[in-house]
Amino acid sequence: MNVKRFFVVTVMAAGVLGSPFSVAGDIEDAISDRLSSAVPGLKVSSVRESEAPGLYEVQSNNGDTIYTTPDGQYLLTGDLLKITDTGIANVTEEARAGDRHEVMDSYGDDGVISYKASNEKAVVSVFTDIDCPYCRKLHDEVPELNDYGITVNYYAYPRSGPGTPSFIKYTSVWCAEDQQSAMDAAKSGAGIDAATCENPVRKQFDLGRRIGVTGTPAIVLEDGNIVRGYVPAKTLAEGLGLL
């Protein structure tokens, strides 16, 4: 296994940040203050001790995870990996999943377009773009997912952004009297009636950006882990332990 492929880090020299501060006070606050002042526009959302001794984990508004020494003098960016008895674990992604779970749980399922399984065993949150080919492929398999006991909750993520045809199309689907029928038609490439109303499309789009969605479909599992891209229904069910 090529560890470099998975553990790419950028080290910023101490001179970029200036002289080290005293660690006698609150280390977390000191790290936050130092990074915020050193990097214009950076907003630190949390600082906590990393699983790796001697490193602190910093979460910021740009979605990147930063690791720093206690004095804030040396930084690493990238995924932190750990060798375990069963292989290599991605410590950073595990932390991201925990944070993602909290954000999704806080948002809830308000305004989702839901395809519920009658024998529900699992729920997946899918950030979708109506015009995305692989989103359409996944949508074709929603009945199969439902048969496996998987409820699919759709969150809006028109990749082209607000004001674009894809965004307007999703808004029309959400505002339709029968959302599922409109979604089915739009995903098949059929035309749908334009409609506007008060809707959560922008809010869901912003939610996707907040939790690190960069493409569609993005399948967020109940524990906060994310599956990026299309996977066959059977493979997803197997991954969820349903088969």
Protein backbone atom coordinates (compact mmCIF):
# COMPACT_ATOMS: atom_id res chain seq x y z
CA MET A 1 0.00 0.00 0.00
CA ASN A 2 1.39 3.40 -0.94
CA VAL A 3 0.95 5.42 2.24
CA LYS A 4 1.92 8.64 0.46
CA ARG A 5 -1.17 8.35 -1.66
CA PHE A 6 -3.36 8.51 1.43
CA PHE A 7 -1.29 10.68 3.73
CA VAL A 8 -0.29 13.82 1.85
CA VAL A 9 0.60 16.67 4.17
CA THR A 10 1.82 20.21 3.74
CA VAL A 11 4.17 21.52 6.40
CA MET A 12 4.19 25.28 6.95
CA ALA A 13 7.42 26.59 8.39
CA ALA A 14 7.51 28.32 11.76
CA GLY A 15 8.52 31.61 10.20
CA VAL A 16 5.13 31.96 8.52
CA LEU A 17 3.42 32.25 11.86
CA GLY A 18 6.01 34.19 13.79
CA SER A 19 7.33 33.47 17.26
CA PRO A 20 5.73 30.75 19.40
CA PHE A 21 3.29 31.72 22.11
CA SER A 22 3.37 30.63 25.72
CA VAL A 23 1.50 27.37 26.31
CA ALA A 24 0.90 28.15 29.97
CA GLY A 25 -2.63 29.35 29.22
CA ASP A 26 -5.46 27.73 27.35
CA ILE A 27 -3.81 25.86 24.48
CA GLU A 28 -6.98 25.52 22.42
CA ASP A 29 -7.78 29.23 22.56
CA ALA A 30 -4.18 30.15 21.84
CA ILE A 31 -4.08 27.90 18.77
CA SER A 32 -7.38 29.32 17.53
CA ASP A 33 -6.22 32.90 17.97
CA ARG A 34 -2.91 32.29 16.28
CA LEU A 35 -4.30 30.56 13.23
CA SER A 36 -7.09 33.10 12.81
CA SER A 37 -4.61 35.97 12.86
CA ALA A 38 -2.09 34.20 10.61
CA VAL A 39 -4.52 33.10 7.87
CA PRO A 40 -6.81 35.89 6.56
CA GLY A 41 -10.43 34.79 6.40
CA LEU A 42 -9.90 31.59 8.35
CA LYS A 43 -12.50 30.96 11.03
CA VAL A 44 -11.68 28.21 13.49
CA SER A 45 -14.77 26.28 14.57
CA SER A 46 -13.12 23.87 16.99
CA VAL A 47 -9.77 22.85 18.46
CA ARG A 48 -9.27 19.57 20.29
CA GLU A 49 -6.49 17.17 21.19
CA SER A 50 -5.82 14.71 18.42
CA GLU A 51 -5.65 10.98 18.89
CA ALA A 52 -2.00 11.30 17.87
CA PRO A 53 0.09 12.41 20.88
CA GLY A 54 1.49 15.93 20.51
CA LEU A 55 -0.96 17.10 17.85
CA TYR A 56 -4.14 19.17 18.05
CA GLU A 57 -6.96 18.84 15.51
CA VAL A 58 -8.41 22.08 14.15
CA GLN A 59 -11.67 22.34 12.20
CA SER A 60 -12.25 25.48 10.15
CA ASN A 61 -14.82 27.16 7.94
CA ASN A 62 -13.22 25.90 4.73
CA GLY A 63 -13.85 22.27 5.65
CA ASP A 64 -10.20 21.31 5.90
CA THR A 65 -8.76 19.55 8.92
CA ILE A 66 -5.54 21.07 10.22
CA TYR A 67 -3.18 19.47 12.69
CA THR A 68 -0.89 21.64 14.76
CA THR A 69 1.72 21.31 17.46
CA PRO A 70 0.68 22.68 20.87
CA ASP A 71 2.54 25.94 20.27
CA GLY A 72 0.80 26.48 16.91
CA GLN A 73 4.14 26.71 15.17
CA TYR A 74 3.97 23.71 12.84
CA LEU A 75 0.94 22.68 10.78
CA LEU A 76 -0.08 19.61 8.83
CA THR A 77 -2.99 19.41 6.43
CA GLY A 78 -4.42 16.18 5.14
CA ASP A 79 -5.73 12.91 6.52
CA LEU A 80 -4.16 11.39 9.62
CA LEU A 81 -3.82 7.63 9.32
CA LYS A 82 -3.32 5.02 12.02
CA ILE A 83 -1.94 1.51 11.71
CA THR A 84 -4.21 -0.94 13.52
CA ASP A 85 -4.34 -4.71 13.92
CA THR A 86 -6.80 -4.89 11.03
CA GLY A 87 -5.11 -2.45 8.65
CA ILE A 88 -4.90 1.29 8.20
CA ALA A 89 -7.65 3.46 9.70
CA ASN A 90 -8.38 7.01 8.59
CA VAL A 91 -8.55 8.91 11.87
CA THR A 92 -9.46 12.18 10.16
CA GLU A 93 -12.39 10.72 8.24
CA GLU A 94 -13.71 9.09 11.40
CA ALA A 95 -13.73 12.52 13.04
CA ARG A 96 -15.39 14.05 9.98
CA ALA A 97 -18.10 11.37 10.12
CA GLY A 98 -18.82 12.22 13.74
CA ASP A 99 -19.10 15.93 12.95
CA ARG A 100 -21.21 15.19 9.86
CA HIS A 101 -23.59 13.08 11.93
CA GLU A 102 -24.07 15.92 14.40
CA VAL A 103 -24.78 18.45 11.64
CA MET A 104 -27.22 16.16 9.84
CA ASP A 105 -28.96 15.25 13.10
CA SER A 106 -29.27 18.94 13.97
CA TYR A 107 -30.78 19.74 10.57
CA GLY A 108 -33.15 16.77 10.60
CA ASP A 109 -35.27 15.65 7.67
CA ASP A 110 -37.32 18.80 7.24
CA GLY A 111 -38.23 19.29 3.60
CA VAL A 112 -36.70 16.08 2.25
CA ILE A 113 -38.35 14.20 -0.59
CA SER A 114 -38.62 10.76 0.93
CA TYR A 115 -39.00 7.32 -0.60
CA LYS A 116 -39.83 5.21 2.43
CA ALA A 117 -39.27 1.48 2.75
CA SER A 118 -42.28 -0.38 4.14
CA ASN A 119 -39.93 -2.61 6.18
CA GLU A 120 -37.46 0.12 7.09
CA LYS A 121 -34.10 -1.18 8.33
CA ALA A 122 -31.87 1.76 7.39
CA VAL A 123 -32.12 5.34 6.18
CA VAL A 124 -29.75 7.05 3.76
CA SER A 125 -29.61 10.77 3.05
CA VAL A 126 -28.82 11.35 -0.60
CA PHE A 127 -27.69 14.75 -1.84
CA THR A 128 -28.83 14.74 -5.44
CA ASP A 129 -28.81 16.76 -8.63
CA ILE A 130 -31.70 16.07 -10.99
CA ASP A 131 -29.51 16.44 -14.08
CA CYS A 132 -26.65 14.24 -12.78
CA PRO A 133 -26.47 10.99 -14.84
CA TYR A 134 -25.33 8.86 -11.91
CA CYS A 135 -28.03 10.39 -9.69
CA ARG A 136 -30.54 9.21 -12.27
CA LYS A 137 -28.97 5.76 -12.27
CA LEU A 138 -29.25 5.59 -8.50
CA HIS A 139 -32.85 6.83 -8.66
CA ASP A 140 -33.74 3.96 -11.00
CA GLU A 141 -32.71 1.62 -8.17
CA VAL A 142 -34.69 3.31 -5.40
CA PRO A 143 -37.46 0.65 -5.59
CA GLU A 144 -34.78 -2.01 -5.12
CA LEU A 145 -33.30 -0.10 -2.19
CA ASN A 146 -36.77 0.10 -0.65
CA ASP A 147 -37.13 -3.67 -1.09
CA TYR A 148 -33.94 -4.12 0.92
CA GLY A 149 -35.48 -2.01 3.69
CA ILE A 150 -33.60 1.20 2.89
CA THR A 151 -35.47 4.49 3.04
CA VAL A 152 -34.05 7.13 0.71
CA ASN A 153 -34.30 10.77 1.79
CA TYR A 154 -33.38 13.21 -0.96
CA TYR A 155 -31.66 16.48 -0.12
CA ALA A 156 -31.21 19.10 -2.83
CA TYR A 157 -27.72 19.63 -4.21
CA PRO A 158 -27.93 21.16 -7.70
CA ARG A 159 -24.20 21.25 -8.38
CA SER A 160 -24.32 24.28 -10.66
CA GLY A 161 -25.60 26.41 -7.80
CA PRO A 162 -28.42 28.89 -7.16
CA GLY A 163 -30.12 30.51 -10.12
CA THR A 164 -29.05 27.84 -12.62
CA PRO A 165 -31.42 25.63 -14.66
CA SER A 166 -30.72 22.61 -12.43
CA PHE A 167 -31.47 24.64 -9.32
CA ILE A 168 -34.71 25.96 -10.80
CA LYS A 169 -35.68 22.46 -11.88
CA TYR A 170 -35.20 21.08 -8.37
CA THR A 171 -37.28 23.95 -7.01
CA SER A 172 -40.07 23.03 -9.42
CA VAL A 173 -39.93 19.41 -8.28
CA TRP A 174 -40.07 20.40 -4.63
CA CYS A 175 -42.97 22.79 -5.20
CA ALA A 176 -44.98 20.27 -7.22
CA GLU A 177 -48.23 18.99 -5.75
CA ASP A 178 -46.92 15.42 -6.03
CA GLN A 179 -43.19 15.64 -5.29
CA GLN A 180 -42.41 11.98 -5.94
CA SER A 181 -44.13 11.96 -9.32
CA ALA A 182 -42.35 15.17 -10.29
CA MET A 183 -39.02 13.75 -9.15
CA ASP A 184 -39.58 10.53 -11.07
CA ALA A 185 -40.42 12.49 -14.22
CA ALA A 186 -37.50 14.90 -13.87
CA LYS A 187 -35.03 12.09 -13.21
CA SER A 188 -36.23 10.31 -16.34
CA GLY A 189 -35.55 13.43 -18.40
CA ALA A 190 -39.18 14.31 -18.94
CA GLY A 191 -40.30 17.91 -18.74
CA ILE A 192 -42.08 19.11 -15.63
CA ASP A 193 -44.22 22.16 -15.00
CA ALA A 194 -42.32 25.14 -13.64
CA ALA A 195 -43.34 25.99 -10.10
CA THR A 196 -42.18 28.28 -7.33
CA CYS A 197 -42.96 28.43 -3.63
CA GLU A 198 -41.22 28.88 -0.33
CA ASN A 199 -38.77 25.99 -0.34
CA PRO A 200 -35.66 24.55 1.37
CA VAL A 201 -33.58 23.97 -1.78
CA ARG A 202 -30.99 26.64 -1.00
CA LYS A 203 -30.86 25.61 2.65
CA GLN A 204 -30.24 21.98 1.71
CA PHE A 205 -27.64 23.00 -0.85
CA ASP A 206 -25.80 24.97 1.85
CA LEU A 207 -26.10 21.99 4.19
CA GLY A 208 -24.39 19.81 1.61
CA ARG A 209 -21.53 22.24 1.28
CA ARG A 210 -21.21 22.43 5.05
CA ILE A 211 -20.75 18.68 5.45
CA GLY A 212 -18.31 18.39 2.57
CA VAL A 213 -20.43 17.30 -0.39
CA THR A 214 -18.42 17.98 -3.53
CA GLY A 215 -20.30 15.90 -6.10
CA THR A 216 -23.45 13.89 -6.60
CA PRO A 217 -24.84 11.54 -5.66
CA ALA A 218 -23.46 11.82 -2.14
CA ILE A 219 -24.92 9.18 0.16
CA VAL A 220 -24.71 10.05 3.85
CA LEU A 221 -25.18 7.09 6.17
CA GLU A 222 -26.80 7.26 9.58
CA ASP A 223 -23.43 7.25 11.36
CA GLY A 224 -22.21 10.23 9.34
CA ASN A 225 -19.99 8.31 6.95
CA ILE A 226 -20.38 9.31 3.32
CA VAL A 227 -20.38 7.28 0.12
CA ARG A 228 -19.28 9.51 -2.73
CA GLY A 229 -20.82 8.60 -6.04
CA TYR A 230 -23.11 5.89 -7.36
CA VAL A 231 -23.04 2.38 -5.95
CA PRO A 232 -25.41 -0.42 -6.99
CA ALA A 233 -28.34 -1.01 -4.67
CA LYS A 234 -27.17 -4.49 -3.72
CA THR A 235 -23.68 -3.23 -2.88
CA LEU A 236 -25.10 -0.51 -0.66
CA ALA A 237 -27.37 -2.99 1.10
CA GLU A 238 -24.41 -5.32 1.68
CA GLY A 239 -22.35 -2.44 3.06
CA LEU A 240 -25.14 -1.65 5.50
CA GLY A 241 -25.18 -5.27 6.67
CA LEU A 242 -28.64 -5.97 5.31
CA LEU A 243 -27.61 -8.92 3.13
